[in-house]
Amino acid sequence: MELPAGTAFGLDNLPYGVFSPGDGPRRVGVAVGDRVLDVGAVASAAAAPFASLLSGPVLNPLLAAGRARWAQVRATIRDWLTEASSADRVRPHLYPLADVTLHLPIEVGDYVDFYSNEFHATNAGHIFRPDVADALPPNWKHLPIGYHGRSSSVVVSGTPIVRPVGQRRGKETPGFGPSKRLDVETEVGFVVGVGSEMGTRIGVADFADHVFGVFLLNDWSARDIQAWETAPLGPFLGKSFATSISPWIVPLDALQDARVAPPARDPEPLPYLRDVDHWGLDLDLELSINGHTVSRPHFSTMYWTPAQQLAHMTVNGAPTRTGDVYGSGTVSGPVKGERGCLLELSWGGTEPFALPDGGTRTFLEDGDEVAITATAPGPGGARIGFGEVYGKVVPSIVD
């Protein structure tokens, strides 16, 4: 089939999602060019042996099927789209992307978010602890730090984000009300396909046998609520009100050309965290507010890779299951134009940054629209696209 020139949803990508045409039922689809293919319908028409895995309304049955089946399904879909003999079968099940509704593609199991970018962690350390010489906590280069989030508040791109209400630090007693320091975090997410039993571990070398694919993630953060509640424990209400993810999941097999060596580590990690394969990823991200680009971070700067994150997440024997999601942590770089959140861009609210329309921001205002996009290198100079994760801030619901 013919594709638009320069499309990021080419035949080397074929990301999976869940869509509905009009008011119809939710269906498993694959984005190709400016259209989406109802792969469940084609699989049924072709009596494919994996048709039941694509019957919807979520991707979890396919995710649970394992790597060999993932490869078979992907190769077959590519054949359907390229072989002339399949054209009549495929054509009735192609829908313009502009005419469909996209949904949360997976039933989310658990949700974990990490803190694995050295530039972000260093900047945050200097902002929160300006009088401490070493901005990184002493354990940071020994393990991927993370926290458990609330899976029920993981939402698909486009879901409005209600400004959270909560406690924040006051002079004598805590204040209460809508967050005044609402922030975003430019992240990449990973979804587990094949889970692991309690008491077992997933090694770094086994990453690709368990993780199905990659998507974009915005870990919305109420910095004032977070700052008050995280002494002495960890993120809770400042993070649990919403986490947005993009509707398209790019299979790991589409990212072979994007794999790169991670940054040098010093000190060398413990044996269970040492690299076996290169699972750094060369992803170019872009963060925009109200249509204006404010940052362009690079995922290749991540100190801890997704393979190491999964290995650490299970080293204590914690189980995983199909649909478990984990986020990379904020992606940032060494210069201001690569900082992945407003906390860094405004240096804790002390340095308002300009928008091209003449406005300035420290943190998000009601009505602000936030979008994160990304591409990665593909075969022959092509770009692999992830679509976008988008959200609009709406006012708090206050008694």
Protein backbone atom coordinates (compact mmCIF):
# COMPACT_ATOMS: atom_id res chain seq x y z
CA MET A 1 0.00 0.00 0.00
CA GLU A 2 1.10 3.56 -0.62
CA LEU A 3 2.08 5.60 2.42
CA PRO A 4 2.44 9.38 2.87
CA ALA A 5 5.98 10.57 2.23
CA GLY A 6 8.05 10.77 5.41
CA THR A 7 5.45 9.08 7.59
CA ALA A 8 6.65 8.02 11.03
CA PHE A 9 4.07 5.21 11.00
CA GLY A 10 5.72 3.22 8.23
CA LEU A 11 5.97 -0.53 7.62
CA ASP A 12 9.04 -0.74 9.86
CA ASN A 13 7.02 0.62 12.78
CA LEU A 14 3.47 -0.83 12.90
CA PRO A 15 2.59 0.28 16.44
CA TYR A 16 -0.41 -1.30 18.15
CA GLY A 17 -3.37 0.49 19.68
CA VAL A 18 -7.07 0.20 20.41
CA PHE A 19 -9.57 2.29 18.45
CA SER A 20 -13.24 2.60 17.67
CA PRO A 21 -14.80 3.96 14.49
CA GLY A 22 -17.63 6.25 15.55
CA ASP A 23 -19.69 4.62 18.29
CA GLY A 24 -18.56 1.12 17.35
CA PRO A 25 -16.88 -1.39 19.65
CA ARG A 26 -13.22 -1.13 20.58
CA ARG A 27 -10.91 -2.93 18.17
CA VAL A 28 -7.21 -3.75 18.05
CA GLY A 29 -5.51 -1.71 15.35
CA VAL A 30 -2.11 -0.98 13.86
CA ALA A 31 -1.19 2.53 12.72
CA VAL A 32 0.14 2.65 9.16
CA GLY A 33 0.66 5.99 7.47
CA ASP A 34 -2.38 8.17 8.09
CA ARG A 35 -4.68 5.19 8.64
CA VAL A 36 -5.34 2.45 11.15
CA LEU A 37 -5.82 -1.18 10.16
CA ASP A 38 -8.39 -3.24 12.07
CA VAL A 39 -6.04 -6.20 12.49
CA GLY A 40 -8.60 -8.18 14.46
CA ALA A 41 -11.05 -8.06 11.59
CA VAL A 42 -8.41 -9.03 9.03
CA ALA A 43 -7.16 -11.86 11.23
CA SER A 44 -10.67 -13.24 11.56
CA ALA A 45 -11.30 -13.00 7.82
CA ALA A 46 -8.01 -14.79 7.13
CA ALA A 47 -8.68 -17.43 9.81
CA ALA A 48 -5.27 -16.58 11.28
CA PRO A 49 -4.20 -18.85 14.15
CA PHE A 50 -3.75 -15.83 16.37
CA ALA A 51 -7.08 -14.15 15.59
CA SER A 52 -8.36 -14.52 19.16
CA LEU A 53 -5.40 -12.48 20.44
CA LEU A 54 -6.55 -9.48 18.39
CA SER A 55 -10.26 -9.56 19.15
CA GLY A 56 -10.07 -6.63 21.60
CA PRO A 57 -10.97 -4.58 23.51
CA VAL A 58 -7.39 -4.41 24.88
CA LEU A 59 -3.96 -5.67 23.81
CA ASN A 60 -3.39 -7.85 26.88
CA PRO A 61 -4.09 -11.23 25.19
CA LEU A 62 -1.46 -10.47 22.56
CA LEU A 63 0.98 -9.22 25.19
CA ALA A 64 0.62 -12.42 27.20
CA ALA A 65 1.29 -14.64 24.16
CA GLY A 66 5.07 -14.21 24.25
CA ARG A 67 7.91 -13.24 21.96
CA ALA A 68 7.52 -15.95 19.32
CA ARG A 69 3.86 -15.05 18.79
CA TRP A 70 4.65 -11.32 18.78
CA ALA A 71 7.11 -11.89 15.95
CA GLN A 72 4.65 -14.05 14.00
CA VAL A 73 1.81 -11.52 14.28
CA ARG A 74 4.05 -8.62 13.29
CA ALA A 75 5.44 -10.46 10.24
CA THR A 76 1.95 -11.49 9.12
CA ILE A 77 0.56 -7.95 9.41
CA ARG A 78 3.45 -6.67 7.34
CA ASP A 79 2.69 -9.31 4.70
CA TRP A 80 -0.96 -8.27 4.64
CA LEU A 81 0.07 -4.68 3.98
CA THR A 82 2.64 -5.44 1.28
CA GLU A 83 1.35 -8.44 -0.68
CA ALA A 84 -1.00 -7.69 -3.59
CA SER A 85 -2.94 -10.88 -2.89
CA SER A 86 -4.07 -9.45 0.47
CA ALA A 87 -5.22 -6.06 -0.82
CA ASP A 88 -8.91 -6.94 -1.14
CA ARG A 89 -8.93 -8.42 2.35
CA VAL A 90 -7.17 -5.43 3.91
CA ARG A 91 -8.80 -2.50 2.11
CA PRO A 92 -12.25 -2.65 3.81
CA HIS A 93 -10.62 -2.55 7.26
CA LEU A 94 -8.52 0.58 6.86
CA TYR A 95 -9.83 3.70 8.61
CA PRO A 96 -8.52 7.28 8.44
CA LEU A 97 -6.77 8.03 11.73
CA ALA A 98 -8.50 11.39 11.83
CA ASP A 99 -11.92 9.68 11.97
CA VAL A 100 -11.40 7.20 14.82
CA THR A 101 -11.34 7.44 18.60
CA LEU A 102 -8.23 6.09 20.33
CA HIS A 103 -8.50 4.39 23.71
CA LEU A 104 -6.25 3.18 26.51
CA PRO A 105 -4.59 0.27 24.68
CA ILE A 106 -3.97 -2.01 27.67
CA GLU A 107 -5.56 -3.07 30.90
CA VAL A 108 -2.91 -1.71 33.27
CA GLY A 109 -1.65 -4.03 35.99
CA ASP A 110 0.82 -2.34 38.32
CA TYR A 111 2.51 0.99 37.68
CA VAL A 112 6.07 1.88 38.71
CA ASP A 113 7.94 5.07 37.88
CA PHE A 114 11.70 5.52 38.02
CA TYR A 115 14.15 8.38 38.59
CA SER A 116 16.90 7.33 36.22
CA ASN A 117 18.26 10.37 34.40
CA GLU A 118 21.41 11.82 35.94
CA PHE A 119 20.84 15.34 34.61
CA HIS A 120 17.29 15.46 36.01
CA ALA A 121 18.31 13.98 39.36
CA THR A 122 21.24 16.37 39.66
CA ASN A 123 19.13 19.41 38.77
CA ALA A 124 16.38 18.38 41.19
CA GLY A 125 18.98 17.84 43.90
CA HIS A 126 20.41 21.33 43.43
CA ILE A 127 16.91 22.87 43.41
CA PHE A 128 15.67 21.07 46.53
CA ARG A 129 18.99 20.98 48.43
CA PRO A 130 21.00 24.01 47.27
CA ASP A 131 23.31 23.93 50.30
CA VAL A 132 24.38 20.30 49.76
CA ALA A 133 27.51 19.84 47.66
CA ASP A 134 26.57 16.41 46.25
CA ALA A 135 23.21 16.79 44.52
CA LEU A 136 22.71 13.04 44.04
CA PRO A 137 21.68 10.86 46.98
CA PRO A 138 24.41 8.34 47.88
CA ASN A 139 22.48 5.35 46.50
CA TRP A 140 21.59 6.90 43.13
CA LYS A 141 24.45 5.39 41.08
CA HIS A 142 24.03 1.99 42.69
CA LEU A 143 20.38 1.26 41.86
CA PRO A 144 17.48 2.55 39.77
CA ILE A 145 15.35 4.50 42.26
CA GLY A 146 11.60 4.25 41.76
CA TYR A 147 8.19 4.45 43.39
CA HIS A 148 4.89 2.63 43.00
CA GLY A 149 2.12 4.68 41.44
CA ARG A 150 -1.62 4.23 41.12
CA SER A 151 -2.54 2.15 38.07
CA SER A 152 -6.18 3.26 38.15
CA SER A 153 -5.11 6.82 37.29
CA VAL A 154 -3.18 5.85 34.14
CA VAL A 155 -5.18 7.45 31.31
CA VAL A 156 -4.92 7.66 27.56
CA SER A 157 -3.70 10.76 25.75
CA GLY A 158 -6.39 13.42 25.46
CA THR A 159 -7.95 12.81 28.86
CA PRO A 160 -8.42 16.19 30.65
CA ILE A 161 -6.19 16.61 33.71
CA VAL A 162 -8.00 18.05 36.72
CA ARG A 163 -5.68 20.22 38.82
CA PRO A 164 -5.13 18.24 42.03
CA VAL A 165 -6.01 19.51 45.50
CA GLY A 166 -4.00 18.71 48.59
CA GLN A 167 -1.79 19.86 51.43
CA ARG A 168 1.32 21.94 50.89
CA ARG A 169 3.98 23.34 53.19
CA GLY A 170 2.98 26.44 55.19
CA LYS A 171 4.75 28.72 57.66
CA GLU A 172 3.27 27.17 60.80
CA THR A 173 0.53 24.83 59.61
CA PRO A 174 0.08 23.28 56.16
CA GLY A 175 -1.98 25.05 53.57
CA PHE A 176 -4.68 23.29 51.58
CA GLY A 177 -6.11 23.85 48.14
CA PRO A 178 -5.38 23.46 44.44
CA SER A 179 -1.76 22.80 43.56
CA LYS A 180 0.11 25.96 42.62
CA ARG A 181 3.09 24.11 41.15
CA LEU A 182 1.58 21.67 38.66
CA ASP A 183 4.24 20.12 36.47
CA VAL A 184 4.82 17.58 33.71
CA GLU A 185 7.48 14.93 33.29
CA THR A 186 8.69 13.95 29.83
CA GLU A 187 9.07 10.18 30.02
CA VAL A 188 9.12 6.95 28.07
CA GLY A 189 7.00 4.01 29.21
CA PHE A 190 7.37 0.24 28.91
CA VAL A 191 4.70 -2.46 29.16
CA VAL A 192 5.27 -6.01 30.37
CA GLY A 193 3.91 -8.72 28.11
CA VAL A 194 4.92 -11.98 29.79
CA GLY A 195 4.91 -11.72 33.56
CA SER A 196 7.03 -13.47 36.18
CA GLU A 197 6.07 -15.44 39.25
CA MET A 198 6.58 -14.32 42.82
CA GLY A 199 9.97 -15.38 44.10
CA THR A 200 11.63 -15.26 40.66
CA ARG A 201 13.73 -12.60 38.96
CA ILE A 202 13.94 -11.18 35.45
CA GLY A 203 17.57 -10.76 34.44
CA VAL A 204 18.90 -7.92 32.33
CA ALA A 205 19.44 -10.39 29.48
CA ASP A 206 15.76 -11.43 29.60
CA PHE A 207 14.32 -7.96 29.06
CA ALA A 208 13.13 -8.55 25.46
CA ASP A 209 11.37 -11.78 26.43
CA HIS A 210 9.16 -9.94 28.90
CA VAL A 211 8.66 -6.38 27.64
CA PHE A 212 6.35 -6.03 24.65
CA GLY A 213 6.81 -2.42 23.66
CA VAL A 214 7.39 1.25 24.27
CA PHE A 215 5.19 4.35 24.46
CA LEU A 216 5.26 7.94 25.69
CA LEU A 217 4.35 8.83 29.26
CA ASN A 218 3.65 12.05 31.16
CA ASP A 219 3.95 11.62 34.91
CA TRP A 220 1.98 14.73 35.94
CA SER A 221 3.33 16.06 39.23
CA ALA A 222 2.06 18.50 41.86
CA ARG A 223 5.42 19.73 43.13
CA ASP A 224 4.09 21.57 46.18
CA ILE A 225 2.04 18.58 47.35
CA GLN A 226 4.98 16.29 46.57
CA ALA A 227 7.50 18.41 48.49
CA TRP A 228 5.39 18.41 51.68
CA GLU A 229 4.48 14.72 51.68
CA THR A 230 7.86 13.26 50.69
CA ALA A 231 9.49 14.11 54.02
CA PRO A 232 10.36 11.42 54.98
CA LEU A 233 8.80 8.79 52.68
CA GLY A 234 8.07 9.14 48.96
CA PRO A 235 5.69 10.37 46.25
CA PHE A 236 2.01 9.78 46.99
CA LEU A 237 -0.79 12.26 46.25
CA GLY A 238 1.56 14.58 44.36
CA LYS A 239 1.81 11.91 41.66
CA SER A 240 -1.23 9.63 41.89
CA PHE A 241 -3.89 11.92 40.40
CA ALA A 242 -3.00 11.25 36.73
CA THR A 243 -0.42 9.64 34.48
CA SER A 244 -1.04 10.02 30.74
CA ILE A 245 0.23 7.58 28.12
CA SER A 246 0.23 7.70 24.33
CA PRO A 247 -2.29 5.46 22.52
CA TRP A 248 0.29 3.67 20.34
CA ILE A 249 2.68 1.00 21.63
CA VAL A 250 5.76 0.59 19.47
CA PRO A 251 7.02 -3.03 19.54
CA LEU A 252 10.59 -3.59 20.68
CA ASP A 253 11.26 -5.20 17.28
CA ALA A 254 10.66 -1.82 15.62
CA LEU A 255 13.48 -0.24 17.64
CA GLN A 256 16.47 -2.37 16.69
CA ASP A 257 18.10 0.55 14.87
CA ALA A 258 17.55 2.79 17.89
CA ARG A 259 19.54 0.65 20.34
CA VAL A 260 22.69 2.34 21.66
CA ALA A 261 25.16 1.90 24.48
CA PRO A 262 24.13 3.69 27.69
CA PRO A 263 26.37 6.31 29.31
CA ALA A 264 29.46 5.11 31.16
CA ARG A 265 28.71 4.05 34.74
CA ASP A 266 30.92 4.88 37.69
CA PRO A 267 31.00 2.95 39.92
CA GLU A 268 30.34 -0.31 38.07
CA PRO A 269 26.88 -1.64 39.00
CA LEU A 270 26.43 -4.81 40.98
CA PRO A 271 26.44 -8.00 38.85
CA TYR A 272 22.64 -8.26 38.51
CA LEU A 273 22.57 -4.76 36.96
CA ARG A 274 25.47 -5.08 34.56
CA ASP A 275 24.67 -4.61 30.86
CA VAL A 276 24.40 -7.72 28.73
CA ASP A 277 22.98 -6.17 25.56
CA HIS A 278 22.78 -2.50 24.66
CA TRP A 279 19.33 -1.34 25.73
CA GLY A 280 19.97 2.37 25.70
CA LEU A 281 17.56 3.86 23.15
CA ASP A 282 18.22 6.76 20.79
CA LEU A 283 14.85 8.51 21.05
CA ASP A 284 14.42 12.22 20.31
CA LEU A 285 11.64 13.68 22.45
CA GLU A 286 9.89 17.02 22.28
CA LEU A 287 7.87 18.76 24.99
CA SER A 288 5.45 21.51 23.99
CA ILE A 289 3.11 23.82 25.88
CA ASN A 290 0.19 25.38 24.00
CA GLY A 291 1.77 24.35 20.72
CA HIS A 292 5.18 25.87 21.50
CA THR A 293 8.22 23.63 21.87
CA VAL A 294 9.98 24.27 25.19
CA SER A 295 12.37 21.31 25.37
CA ARG A 296 13.97 18.59 23.24
CA PRO A 297 15.42 15.89 25.54
CA HIS A 298 17.24 12.79 24.29
CA PHE A 299 16.50 9.40 25.81
CA SER A 300 20.02 8.20 25.07
CA THR A 301 21.18 10.19 28.12
CA MET A 302 19.38 7.82 30.55
CA TYR A 303 21.83 6.46 33.14
CA TRP A 304 19.76 3.34 33.88
CA THR A 305 18.28 1.41 30.95
CA PRO A 306 14.79 -0.15 30.87
CA ALA A 307 16.42 -3.58 31.07
CA GLN A 308 18.19 -2.62 34.30
CA GLN A 309 15.01 -1.06 35.67
CA LEU A 310 13.06 -4.30 35.14
CA ALA A 311 15.89 -6.36 36.63
CA HIS A 312 15.96 -4.19 39.74
CA MET A 313 12.17 -4.15 40.01
CA THR A 314 12.13 -7.96 40.29
CA VAL A 315 15.43 -8.73 42.06
CA ASN A 316 13.63 -9.09 45.39
CA GLY A 317 11.26 -11.67 43.91
CA ALA A 318 8.39 -9.25 43.28
CA PRO A 319 6.06 -10.69 40.60
CA THR A 320 5.11 -8.99 37.35
CA ARG A 321 2.06 -9.56 35.19
CA THR A 322 0.77 -8.79 31.73
CA GLY A 323 -0.05 -5.10 31.45
CA ASP A 324 2.36 -3.90 34.13
CA VAL A 325 3.63 -0.45 33.16
CA TYR A 326 6.78 1.32 34.21
CA GLY A 327 8.05 4.78 33.38
CA SER A 328 11.65 5.76 32.73
CA GLY A 329 11.65 8.86 34.88
CA THR A 330 12.02 12.38 33.54
CA VAL A 331 14.28 12.59 30.49
CA SER A 332 16.62 15.59 30.63
CA GLY A 333 19.92 16.71 29.15
CA PRO A 334 22.94 18.85 29.97
CA VAL A 335 21.54 22.15 28.62
CA LYS A 336 18.40 24.12 29.45
CA GLY A 337 16.73 23.34 26.13
CA GLU A 338 16.81 19.64 27.03
CA ARG A 339 15.26 19.81 30.49
CA GLY A 340 12.24 17.53 30.66
CA CYS A 341 10.02 19.22 33.24
CA LEU A 342 9.02 22.71 34.35
CA LEU A 343 10.70 22.26 37.72
CA GLU A 344 14.01 22.29 35.86
CA LEU A 345 13.04 24.73 33.12
CA SER A 346 12.02 27.36 35.71
CA TRP A 347 14.65 26.26 38.25
CA GLY A 348 12.10 25.58 40.96
CA GLY A 349 9.95 28.55 39.97
CA THR A 350 12.72 31.14 40.40
CA GLU A 351 13.42 31.64 36.68
CA PRO A 352 10.26 32.04 34.57
CA PHE A 353 10.83 30.88 31.02
CA ALA A 354 9.37 32.52 27.93
CA LEU A 355 6.87 31.07 25.49
CA PRO A 356 7.01 32.16 21.83
CA ASP A 357 3.59 33.84 22.16
CA GLY A 358 5.05 36.33 24.66
CA GLY A 359 3.81 34.61 27.80
CA THR A 360 5.96 33.12 30.55
CA ARG A 361 5.61 30.10 32.79
CA THR A 362 7.05 28.67 35.95
CA PHE A 363 4.44 25.95 36.37
CA LEU A 364 1.26 25.04 34.49
CA GLU A 365 -1.81 27.25 34.41
CA ASP A 366 -5.42 26.15 33.92
CA GLY A 367 -6.12 25.76 30.21
CA ASP A 368 -2.54 24.88 29.31
CA GLU A 369 -2.18 22.12 26.74
CA VAL A 370 0.85 19.85 27.05
CA ALA A 371 2.09 17.43 24.39
CA ILE A 372 5.06 15.07 24.24
CA THR A 373 6.17 13.52 20.95
CA ALA A 374 9.12 11.35 19.96
CA THR A 375 10.82 9.65 17.04
CA ALA A 376 13.63 7.10 16.75
CA PRO A 377 15.91 5.99 13.92
CA GLY A 378 14.62 3.15 11.76
CA PRO A 379 15.98 1.14 8.83
CA GLY A 380 17.36 3.05 5.86
CA GLY A 381 17.16 6.45 7.46
CA ALA A 382 13.43 6.22 8.21
CA ARG A 383 12.03 7.58 11.47
CA ILE A 384 9.95 5.52 13.86
CA GLY A 385 7.14 7.60 15.39
CA PHE A 386 5.38 7.26 18.73
CA GLY A 387 2.53 9.67 18.11
CA GLU A 388 1.92 11.96 21.06
CA VAL A 389 0.73 12.02 24.63
CA TYR A 390 -1.44 15.09 25.19
CA GLY A 391 -3.34 16.56 28.09
CA LYS A 392 -5.15 19.80 28.92
CA VAL A 393 -5.21 21.18 32.46
CA VAL A 394 -8.70 21.96 33.76
CA PRO A 395 -9.56 23.71 37.04
CA SER A 396 -9.74 21.89 40.37
CA ILE A 397 -12.96 20.62 41.81
CA VAL A 398 -13.08 22.44 45.15
CA ASP A 399 -15.79 22.13 47.81
